[in-house]
Amino acid sequence: MASEEPVFADVSIGQPVYDEGGDRLGTVRGVDDDGFYVTASGSGALTLTDARDVFGTAYVMWRCWECGEMGEIGSELPANCPNCNAPREDLYYWAED
């Protein structure tokens, strides 16, 4: 019996996600080695203040997809990664515990 190769989709931040029936579930908010993370439709996007209320001020971070660098979020994500210069699109919110 031949083993099946895993199927990987091309997923990017901001891309809409749908279920099998075609109903929109939300948009991709982050991607890592384990898969991707979705902000659910109808829940509204979390503002930085909302995220801090959920995760706690000390734990809301940004993380670089390219190099793994992490940093505290000021008023917004940096324009690029200060470690590897990856663009803002490669940075995502991270809850550090």
PDB file of N, CA and C in Angstrom:
ATOM      1  N   MET A   1       0.845  -1.174   0.000  1.00  0.00           N
ATOM      2  CA  MET A   1       0.000   0.000   0.000  1.00  0.00           C
ATOM      3  C   MET A   1       0.891   1.238   0.000  1.00  0.00           C
ATOM      4  N   ALA A   2       0.715   2.104  -0.965  1.00  0.00           N
ATOM      5  CA  ALA A   2       1.522   3.310  -1.088  1.00  0.00           C
ATOM      6  C   ALA A   2       1.029   4.357  -0.102  1.00  0.00           C
ATOM      7  N   SER A   3       1.978   5.050   0.529  1.00  0.00           N
ATOM      8  CA  SER A   3       1.582   6.116   1.455  1.00  0.00           C
ATOM      9  C   SER A   3       1.254   7.373   0.660  1.00  0.00           C
ATOM     10  N   GLU A   4       0.287   8.104   1.148  1.00  0.00           N
ATOM     11  CA  GLU A   4      -0.108   9.338   0.482  1.00  0.00           C
ATOM     12  C   GLU A   4       0.762  10.482   0.957  1.00  0.00           C
ATOM     13  N   GLU A   5       1.164  11.330   0.035  1.00  0.00           N
ATOM     14  CA  GLU A   5       1.929  12.519   0.369  1.00  0.00           C
ATOM     15  C   GLU A   5       0.975  13.564   0.927  1.00  0.00           C
ATOM     16  N   PRO A   6       1.390  14.324   1.944  1.00  0.00           N
ATOM     17  CA  PRO A   6       0.510  15.377   2.455  1.00  0.00           C
ATOM     18  C   PRO A   6       0.285  16.448   1.396  1.00  0.00           C
ATOM     19  N   VAL A   7      -0.864  17.073   1.438  1.00  0.00           N
ATOM     20  CA  VAL A   7      -1.200  18.142   0.510  1.00  0.00           C
ATOM     21  C   VAL A   7      -1.062  19.467   1.253  1.00  0.00           C
ATOM     22  N   PHE A   8      -0.259  20.356   0.691  1.00  0.00           N
ATOM     23  CA  PHE A   8      -0.060  21.665   1.302  1.00  0.00           C
ATOM     24  C   PHE A   8      -0.677  22.727   0.412  1.00  0.00           C
ATOM     25  N   ALA A   9      -1.460  23.597   1.013  1.00  0.00           N
ATOM     26  CA  ALA A   9      -2.087  24.692   0.274  1.00  0.00           C
ATOM     27  C   ALA A   9      -1.219  25.940   0.384  1.00  0.00           C
ATOM     28  N   ASP A  10      -1.320  26.788  -0.596  1.00  0.00           N
ATOM     29  CA  ASP A  10      -0.643  28.079  -0.556  1.00  0.00           C
ATOM     30  C   ASP A  10      -1.531  29.015   0.247  1.00  0.00           C
ATOM     31  N   VAL A  11      -1.125  29.332   1.467  1.00  0.00           N
ATOM     32  CA  VAL A  11      -1.926  30.136   2.381  1.00  0.00           C
ATOM     33  C   VAL A  11      -1.159  31.405   2.708  1.00  0.00           C
ATOM     34  N   SER A  12      -1.858  32.544   2.676  1.00  0.00           N
ATOM     35  CA  SER A  12      -1.205  33.804   3.016  1.00  0.00           C
ATOM     36  C   SER A  12      -2.090  34.608   3.971  1.00  0.00           C
ATOM     37  N   ILE A  13      -1.473  35.494   4.729  1.00  0.00           N
ATOM     38  CA  ILE A  13      -2.178  36.322   5.699  1.00  0.00           C
ATOM     39  C   ILE A  13      -3.180  37.212   4.971  1.00  0.00           C
ATOM     40  N   GLY A  14      -4.401  37.260   5.515  1.00  0.00           N
ATOM     41  CA  GLY A  14      -5.464  38.058   4.920  1.00  0.00           C
ATOM     42  C   GLY A  14      -6.340  37.283   3.956  1.00  0.00           C
ATOM     43  N   GLN A  15      -5.923  36.079   3.595  1.00  0.00           N
ATOM     44  CA  GLN A  15      -6.686  35.259   2.652  1.00  0.00           C
ATOM     45  C   GLN A  15      -7.968  34.755   3.303  1.00  0.00           C
ATOM     46  N   PRO A  16      -9.111  34.833   2.606  1.00  0.00           N
ATOM     47  CA  PRO A  16     -10.351  34.297   3.176  1.00  0.00           C
ATOM     48  C   PRO A  16     -10.312  32.766   3.237  1.00  0.00           C
ATOM     49  N   VAL A  17     -10.999  32.204   4.236  1.00  0.00           N
ATOM     50  CA  VAL A  17     -11.067  30.752   4.426  1.00  0.00           C
ATOM     51  C   VAL A  17     -12.541  30.346   4.412  1.00  0.00           C
ATOM     52  N   TYR A  18     -12.851  29.273   3.655  1.00  0.00           N
ATOM     53  CA  TYR A  18     -14.231  28.796   3.501  1.00  0.00           C
ATOM     54  C   TYR A  18     -14.334  27.344   3.929  1.00  0.00           C
ATOM     55  N   ASP A  19     -15.526  26.944   4.385  1.00  0.00           N
ATOM     56  CA  ASP A  19     -15.752  25.534   4.689  1.00  0.00           C
ATOM     57  C   ASP A  19     -16.160  24.797   3.412  1.00  0.00           C
ATOM     58  N   GLU A  20     -16.405  23.493   3.527  1.00  0.00           N
ATOM     59  CA  GLU A  20     -16.734  22.669   2.367  1.00  0.00           C
ATOM     60  C   GLU A  20     -17.998  23.139   1.657  1.00  0.00           C
ATOM     61  N   GLY A  21     -18.903  23.764   2.389  1.00  0.00           N
ATOM     62  CA  GLY A  21     -20.157  24.245   1.819  1.00  0.00           C
ATOM     63  C   GLY A  21     -20.056  25.621   1.181  1.00  0.00           C
ATOM     64  N   GLY A  22     -18.879  26.233   1.243  1.00  0.00           N
ATOM     65  CA  GLY A  22     -18.685  27.555   0.652  1.00  0.00           C
ATOM     66  C   GLY A  22     -18.978  28.714   1.581  1.00  0.00           C
ATOM     67  N   ASP A  23     -19.279  28.431   2.855  1.00  0.00           N
ATOM     68  CA  ASP A  23     -19.521  29.503   3.817  1.00  0.00           C
ATOM     69  C   ASP A  23     -18.188  30.051   4.316  1.00  0.00           C
ATOM     70  N   ARG A  24     -18.083  31.367   4.342  1.00  0.00           N
ATOM     71  CA  ARG A  24     -16.839  31.997   4.791  1.00  0.00           C
ATOM     72  C   ARG A  24     -16.668  31.811   6.293  1.00  0.00           C
ATOM     73  N   LEU A  25     -15.512  31.299   6.696  1.00  0.00           N
ATOM     74  CA  LEU A  25     -15.204  31.095   8.107  1.00  0.00           C
ATOM     75  C   LEU A  25     -14.467  32.287   8.702  1.00  0.00           C
ATOM     76  N   GLY A  26     -13.645  32.942   7.898  1.00  0.00           N
ATOM     77  CA  GLY A  26     -12.857  34.064   8.379  1.00  0.00           C
ATOM     78  C   GLY A  26     -11.676  34.314   7.465  1.00  0.00           C
ATOM     79  N   THR A  27     -10.634  34.966   8.009  1.00  0.00           N
ATOM     80  CA  THR A  27      -9.428  35.248   7.237  1.00  0.00           C
ATOM     81  C   THR A  27      -8.199  34.745   7.989  1.00  0.00           C
ATOM     82  N   VAL A  28      -7.172  34.395   7.243  1.00  0.00           N
ATOM     83  CA  VAL A  28      -5.923  33.916   7.830  1.00  0.00           C
ATOM     84  C   VAL A  28      -5.239  35.078   8.534  1.00  0.00           C
ATOM     85  N   ARG A  29      -4.876  34.872   9.820  1.00  0.00           N
ATOM     86  CA  ARG A  29      -4.198  35.921  10.587  1.00  0.00           C
ATOM     87  C   ARG A  29      -2.764  35.553  10.914  1.00  0.00           C
ATOM     88  N   GLY A  30      -2.392  34.292  10.687  1.00  0.00           N
ATOM     89  CA  GLY A  30      -1.024  33.852  10.953  1.00  0.00           C
ATOM     90  C   GLY A  30      -0.807  32.452  10.409  1.00  0.00           C
ATOM     91  N   VAL A  31       0.454  32.145  10.128  1.00  0.00           N
ATOM     92  CA  VAL A  31       0.831  30.840   9.584  1.00  0.00           C
ATOM     93  C   VAL A  31       2.105  30.393  10.295  1.00  0.00           C
ATOM     94  N   ASP A  32       2.170  29.108  10.676  1.00  0.00           N
ATOM     95  CA  ASP A  32       3.411  28.561  11.215  1.00  0.00           C
ATOM     96  C   ASP A  32       3.545  27.104  10.803  1.00  0.00           C
ATOM     97  N   ASP A  33       4.506  26.391  11.372  1.00  0.00           N
ATOM     98  CA  ASP A  33       4.764  25.002  10.993  1.00  0.00           C
ATOM     99  C   ASP A  33       3.595  24.071  11.295  1.00  0.00           C
ATOM    100  N   ASP A  34       2.716  24.458  12.210  1.00  0.00           N
ATOM    101  CA  ASP A  34       1.581  23.618  12.582  1.00  0.00           C
ATOM    102  C   ASP A  34       0.346  23.885  11.748  1.00  0.00           C
ATOM    103  N   GLY A  35       0.331  24.937  10.959  1.00  0.00           N
ATOM    104  CA  GLY A  35      -0.830  25.263  10.147  1.00  0.00           C
ATOM    105  C   GLY A  35      -1.049  26.753  10.080  1.00  0.00           C
ATOM    106  N   PHE A  36      -2.321  27.140   9.970  1.00  0.00           N
ATOM    107  CA  PHE A  36      -2.621  28.561   9.929  1.00  0.00           C
ATOM    108  C   PHE A  36      -3.703  28.895  10.937  1.00  0.00           C
ATOM    109  N   TYR A  37      -3.781  30.178  11.300  1.00  0.00           N
ATOM    110  CA  TYR A  37      -4.701  30.660  12.316  1.00  0.00           C
ATOM    111  C   TYR A  37      -5.682  31.616  11.654  1.00  0.00           C
ATOM    112  N   VAL A  38      -6.951  31.504  12.036  1.00  0.00           N
ATOM    113  CA  VAL A  38      -8.016  32.245  11.379  1.00  0.00           C
ATOM    114  C   VAL A  38      -8.711  33.166  12.373  1.00  0.00           C
ATOM    115  N   THR A  39      -8.969  34.405  11.950  1.00  0.00           N
ATOM    116  CA  THR A  39      -9.858  35.284  12.683  1.00  0.00           C
ATOM    117  C   THR A  39     -11.242  35.002  12.147  1.00  0.00           C
ATOM    118  N   ALA A  40     -12.142  34.569  13.009  1.00  0.00           N
ATOM    119  CA  ALA A  40     -13.464  34.136  12.588  1.00  0.00           C
ATOM    120  C   ALA A  40     -14.301  35.297  12.074  1.00  0.00           C
ATOM    121  N   SER A  41     -15.056  35.058  11.001  1.00  0.00           N
ATOM    122  CA  SER A  41     -15.991  36.057  10.477  1.00  0.00           C
ATOM    123  C   SER A  41     -17.048  36.341  11.529  1.00  0.00           C
ATOM    124  N   GLY A  42     -17.445  37.574  11.598  1.00  0.00           N
ATOM    125  CA  GLY A  42     -18.479  37.945  12.554  1.00  0.00           C
ATOM    126  C   GLY A  42     -17.931  38.285  13.919  1.00  0.00           C
ATOM    127  N   SER A  43     -16.698  37.863  14.215  1.00  0.00           N
ATOM    128  CA  SER A  43     -16.132  38.170  15.521  1.00  0.00           C
ATOM    129  C   SER A  43     -15.477  39.537  15.517  1.00  0.00           C
ATOM    130  N   GLY A  44     -15.217  40.074  14.321  1.00  0.00           N
ATOM    131  CA  GLY A  44     -14.542  41.353  14.217  1.00  0.00           C
ATOM    132  C   GLY A  44     -13.062  41.189  14.517  1.00  0.00           C
ATOM    133  N   ALA A  45     -12.265  42.014  13.924  1.00  0.00           N
ATOM    134  CA  ALA A  45     -10.833  41.953  14.154  1.00  0.00           C
ATOM    135  C   ALA A  45     -10.524  42.495  15.545  1.00  0.00           C
ATOM    136  N   LEU A  46      -9.563  41.884  16.213  1.00  0.00           N
ATOM    137  CA  LEU A  46      -9.134  42.395  17.509  1.00  0.00           C
ATOM    138  C   LEU A  46      -8.249  43.609  17.301  1.00  0.00           C
ATOM    139  N   THR A  47      -8.551  44.657  18.019  1.00  0.00           N
ATOM    140  CA  THR A  47      -7.643  45.787  18.038  1.00  0.00           C
ATOM    141  C   THR A  47      -6.504  45.431  18.990  1.00  0.00           C
ATOM    142  N   LEU A  48      -5.451  46.212  18.978  1.00  0.00           N
ATOM    143  CA  LEU A  48      -4.345  45.966  19.891  1.00  0.00           C
ATOM    144  C   LEU A  48      -4.825  46.025  21.332  1.00  0.00           C
ATOM    145  N   THR A  49      -5.708  46.979  21.647  1.00  0.00           N
ATOM    146  CA  THR A  49      -6.246  47.092  23.003  1.00  0.00           C
ATOM    147  C   THR A  49      -7.046  45.852  23.371  1.00  0.00           C
ATOM    148  N   ASP A  50      -7.879  45.355  22.435  1.00  0.00           N
ATOM    149  CA  ASP A  50      -8.659  44.139  22.687  1.00  0.00           C
ATOM    150  C   ASP A  50      -7.739  42.950  22.932  1.00  0.00           C
ATOM    151  N   ALA A  51      -6.698  42.823  22.124  1.00  0.00           N
ATOM    152  CA  ALA A  51      -5.765  41.705  22.273  1.00  0.00           C
ATOM    153  C   ALA A  51      -5.087  41.764  23.627  1.00  0.00           C
ATOM    154  N   ARG A  52      -4.733  42.958  24.071  1.00  0.00           N
ATOM    155  CA  ARG A  52      -4.103  43.095  25.384  1.00  0.00           C
ATOM    156  C   ARG A  52      -5.069  42.689  26.493  1.00  0.00           C
ATOM    157  N   ASP A  53      -6.363  43.001  26.315  1.00  0.00           N
ATOM    158  CA  ASP A  53      -7.356  42.601  27.306  1.00  0.00           C
ATOM    159  C   ASP A  53      -7.480  41.087  27.374  1.00  0.00           C
ATOM    160  N   VAL A  54      -7.320  40.419  26.238  1.00  0.00           N
ATOM    161  CA  VAL A  54      -7.435  38.958  26.188  1.00  0.00           C
ATOM    162  C   VAL A  54      -6.163  38.292  26.702  1.00  0.00           C
ATOM    163  N   PHE A  55      -5.017  38.729  26.209  1.00  0.00           N
ATOM    164  CA  PHE A  55      -3.764  38.038  26.488  1.00  0.00           C
ATOM    165  C   PHE A  55      -2.967  38.627  27.642  1.00  0.00           C
ATOM    166  N   GLY A  56      -3.187  39.873  27.990  1.00  0.00           N
ATOM    167  CA  GLY A  56      -2.388  40.547  29.012  1.00  0.00           C
ATOM    168  C   GLY A  56      -1.284  41.341  28.342  1.00  0.00           C
ATOM    169  N   THR A  57      -1.038  42.531  28.821  1.00  0.00           N
ATOM    170  CA  THR A  57      -0.099  43.436  28.168  1.00  0.00           C
ATOM    171  C   THR A  57       1.274  42.824  27.963  1.00  0.00           C
ATOM    172  N   ALA A  58       1.787  42.128  28.936  1.00  0.00           N
ATOM    173  CA  ALA A  58       3.148  41.599  28.839  1.00  0.00           C
ATOM    174  C   ALA A  58       3.274  40.448  27.853  1.00  0.00           C
ATOM    175  N   TYR A  59       2.158  39.874  27.417  1.00  0.00           N
ATOM    176  CA  TYR A  59       2.223  38.674  26.594  1.00  0.00           C
ATOM    177  C   TYR A  59       1.896  38.887  25.126  1.00  0.00           C
ATOM    178  N   VAL A  60       1.433  40.053  24.744  1.00  0.00           N
ATOM    179  CA  VAL A  60       1.143  40.306  23.339  1.00  0.00           C
ATOM    180  C   VAL A  60       2.433  40.737  22.652  1.00  0.00           C
ATOM    181  N   MET A  61       2.887  39.907  21.725  1.00  0.00           N
ATOM    182  CA  MET A  61       4.156  40.130  21.041  1.00  0.00           C
ATOM    183  C   MET A  61       3.924  40.070  19.534  1.00  0.00           C
ATOM    184  N   TRP A  62       4.939  40.411  18.758  1.00  0.00           N
ATOM    185  CA  TRP A  62       4.946  40.102  17.340  1.00  0.00           C
ATOM    186  C   TRP A  62       6.030  39.064  17.122  1.00  0.00           C
ATOM    187  N   ARG A  63       5.903  38.286  16.065  1.00  0.00           N
ATOM    188  CA  ARG A  63       6.906  37.270  15.742  1.00  0.00           C
ATOM    189  C   ARG A  63       7.132  37.273  14.242  1.00  0.00           C
ATOM    190  N   CYS A  64       8.375  37.086  13.830  1.00  0.00           N
ATOM    191  CA  CYS A  64       8.742  37.055  12.418  1.00  0.00           C
ATOM    192  C   CYS A  64       8.659  35.630  11.892  1.00  0.00           C
ATOM    193  N   TRP A  65       7.951  35.461  10.795  1.00  0.00           N
ATOM    194  CA  TRP A  65       7.812  34.155  10.164  1.00  0.00           C
ATOM    195  C   TRP A  65       9.159  33.676   9.607  1.00  0.00           C
ATOM    196  N   GLU A  66       9.989  34.591   9.119  1.00  0.00           N
ATOM    197  CA  GLU A  66      11.257  34.219   8.488  1.00  0.00           C
ATOM    198  C   GLU A  66      12.313  33.756   9.482  1.00  0.00           C
ATOM    199  N   CYS A  67      12.545  34.520  10.551  1.00  0.00           N
ATOM    200  CA  CYS A  67      13.664  34.203  11.448  1.00  0.00           C
ATOM    201  C   CYS A  67      13.246  33.831  12.869  1.00  0.00           C
ATOM    202  N   GLY A  68      11.969  34.040  13.222  1.00  0.00           N
ATOM    203  CA  GLY A  68      11.507  33.705  14.567  1.00  0.00           C
ATOM    204  C   GLY A  68      11.722  34.791  15.593  1.00  0.00           C
ATOM    205  N   GLU A  69      12.324  35.905  15.191  1.00  0.00           N
ATOM    206  CA  GLU A  69      12.533  37.035  16.109  1.00  0.00           C
ATOM    207  C   GLU A  69      11.195  37.467  16.694  1.00  0.00           C
ATOM    208  N   MET A  70      11.220  37.854  17.965  1.00  0.00           N
ATOM    209  CA  MET A  70      10.014  38.323  18.635  1.00  0.00           C
ATOM    210  C   MET A  70      10.291  39.672  19.278  1.00  0.00           C
ATOM    211  N   GLY A  71       9.251  40.466  19.419  1.00  0.00           N
ATOM    212  CA  GLY A  71       9.401  41.748  20.080  1.00  0.00           C
ATOM    213  C   GLY A  71       8.075  42.223  20.629  1.00  0.00           C
ATOM    214  N   GLU A  72       8.138  43.185  21.533  1.00  0.00           N
ATOM    215  CA  GLU A  72       6.918  43.761  22.086  1.00  0.00           C
ATOM    216  C   GLU A  72       6.277  44.671  21.054  1.00  0.00           C
ATOM    217  N   ILE A  73       4.964  44.728  21.093  1.00  0.00           N
ATOM    218  CA  ILE A  73       4.225  45.577  20.163  1.00  0.00           C
ATOM    219  C   ILE A  73       4.047  46.940  20.797  1.00  0.00           C
ATOM    220  N   GLY A  74       4.442  47.977  20.069  1.00  0.00           N
ATOM    221  CA  GLY A  74       4.180  49.338  20.517  1.00  0.00           C
ATOM    222  C   GLY A  74       2.767  49.693  20.111  1.00  0.00           C
ATOM    223  N   SER A  75       2.595  50.726  19.315  1.00  0.00           N
ATOM    224  CA  SER A  75       1.265  51.091  18.836  1.00  0.00           C
ATOM    225  C   SER A  75       0.859  50.250  17.631  1.00  0.00           C
ATOM    226  N   GLU A  76       1.836  49.633  16.943  1.00  0.00           N
ATOM    227  CA  GLU A  76       1.557  48.776  15.794  1.00  0.00           C
ATOM    228  C   GLU A  76       2.769  47.888  15.510  1.00  0.00           C
ATOM    229  N   LEU A  77       2.609  46.976  14.557  1.00  0.00           N
ATOM    230  CA  LEU A  77       3.730  46.125  14.167  1.00  0.00           C
ATOM    231  C   LEU A  77       4.820  46.981  13.535  1.00  0.00           C
ATOM    232  N   PRO A  78       6.095  46.582  13.667  1.00  0.00           N
ATOM    233  CA  PRO A  78       7.158  47.336  12.990  1.00  0.00           C
ATOM    234  C   PRO A  78       7.009  47.236  11.468  1.00  0.00           C
ATOM    235  N   ALA A  79       7.635  48.150  10.756  1.00  0.00           N
ATOM    236  CA  ALA A  79       7.570  48.156   9.287  1.00  0.00           C
ATOM    237  C   ALA A  79       8.258  46.939   8.687  1.00  0.00           C
ATOM    238  N   ASN A  80       9.265  46.431   9.386  1.00  0.00           N
ATOM    239  CA  ASN A  80       9.955  45.211   8.959  1.00  0.00           C
ATOM    240  C   ASN A  80      10.618  44.591  10.178  1.00  0.00           C
ATOM    241  N   CYS A  81      11.110  43.374  10.030  1.00  0.00           N
ATOM    242  CA  CYS A  81      11.774  42.690  11.138  1.00  0.00           C
ATOM    243  C   CYS A  81      13.129  43.341  11.397  1.00  0.00           C
ATOM    244  N   PRO A  82      13.391  43.775  12.619  1.00  0.00           N
ATOM    245  CA  PRO A  82      14.671  44.408  12.915  1.00  0.00           C
ATOM    246  C   PRO A  82      15.844  43.433  12.852  1.00  0.00           C
ATOM    247  N   ASN A  83      15.580  42.135  12.890  1.00  0.00           N
ATOM    248  CA  ASN A  83      16.651  41.145  12.854  1.00  0.00           C
ATOM    249  C   ASN A  83      17.038  40.748  11.432  1.00  0.00           C
ATOM    250  N   CYS A  84      16.039  40.442  10.572  1.00  0.00           N
ATOM    251  CA  CYS A  84      16.356  39.937   9.232  1.00  0.00           C
ATOM    252  C   CYS A  84      15.817  40.819   8.114  1.00  0.00           C
ATOM    253  N   ASN A  85      15.131  41.918   8.471  1.00  0.00           N
ATOM    254  CA  ASN A  85      14.582  42.877   7.522  1.00  0.00           C
ATOM    255  C   ASN A  85      13.422  42.335   6.685  1.00  0.00           C
ATOM    256  N   ALA A  86      12.803  41.242   7.139  1.00  0.00           N
ATOM    257  CA  ALA A  86      11.625  40.716   6.443  1.00  0.00           C
ATOM    258  C   ALA A  86      10.525  41.773   6.475  1.00  0.00           C
ATOM    259  N   PRO A  87       9.668  41.837   5.448  1.00  0.00           N
ATOM    260  CA  PRO A  87       8.611  42.849   5.421  1.00  0.00           C
ATOM    261  C   PRO A  87       7.543  42.607   6.481  1.00  0.00           C
ATOM    262  N   ARG A  88       6.762  43.626   6.751  1.00  0.00           N
ATOM    263  CA  ARG A  88       5.698  43.562   7.755  1.00  0.00           C
ATOM    264  C   ARG A  88       4.756  42.381   7.525  1.00  0.00           C
ATOM    265  N   GLU A  89       4.541  42.007   6.276  1.00  0.00           N
ATOM    266  CA  GLU A  89       3.650  40.893   5.958  1.00  0.00           C
ATOM    267  C   GLU A  89       4.118  39.585   6.586  1.00  0.00           C
ATOM    268  N   ASP A  90       5.414  39.482   6.924  1.00  0.00           N
ATOM    269  CA  ASP A  90       5.960  38.275   7.544  1.00  0.00           C
ATOM    270  C   ASP A  90       5.910  38.334   9.067  1.00  0.00           C
ATOM    271  N   LEU A  91       5.337  39.398   9.618  1.00  0.00           N
ATOM    272  CA  LEU A  91       5.199  39.528  11.065  1.00  0.00           C
ATOM    273  C   LEU A  91       3.756  39.240  11.448  1.00  0.00           C
ATOM    274  N   TYR A  92       3.577  38.578  12.583  1.00  0.00           N
ATOM    275  CA  TYR A  92       2.217  38.281  13.038  1.00  0.00           C
ATOM    276  C   TYR A  92       2.161  38.381  14.544  1.00  0.00           C
ATOM    277  N   TYR A  93       0.939  38.552  15.052  1.00  0.00           N
ATOM    278  CA  TYR A  93       0.747  38.638  16.500  1.00  0.00           C
ATOM    279  C   TYR A  93       1.020  37.308  17.145  1.00  0.00           C
ATOM    280  N   TRP A  94       1.627  37.343  18.323  1.00  0.00           N
ATOM    281  CA  TRP A  94       2.015  36.137  19.030  1.00  0.00           C
ATOM    282  C   TRP A  94       1.699  36.317  20.502  1.00  0.00           C
ATOM    283  N   ALA A  95       1.060  35.335  21.119  1.00  0.00           N
ATOM    284  CA  ALA A  95       0.789  35.376  22.554  1.00  0.00           C
ATOM    285  C   ALA A  95       1.862  34.548  23.255  1.00  0.00           C
ATOM    286  N   GLU A  96       2.734  35.207  23.964  1.00  0.00           N
ATOM    287  CA  GLU A  96       3.846  34.538  24.650  1.00  0.00           C
ATOM    288  C   GLU A  96       3.446  34.253  26.087  1.00  0.00           C
ATOM    289  N   ASP A  97       3.644  33.007  26.521  1.00  0.00           N
ATOM    290  CA  ASP A  97       3.296  32.681  27.912  1.00  0.00           C
ATOM    291  C   ASP A  97       4.505  32.346  28.733  1.00  0.00           C
TER     292      ASP A  97
END
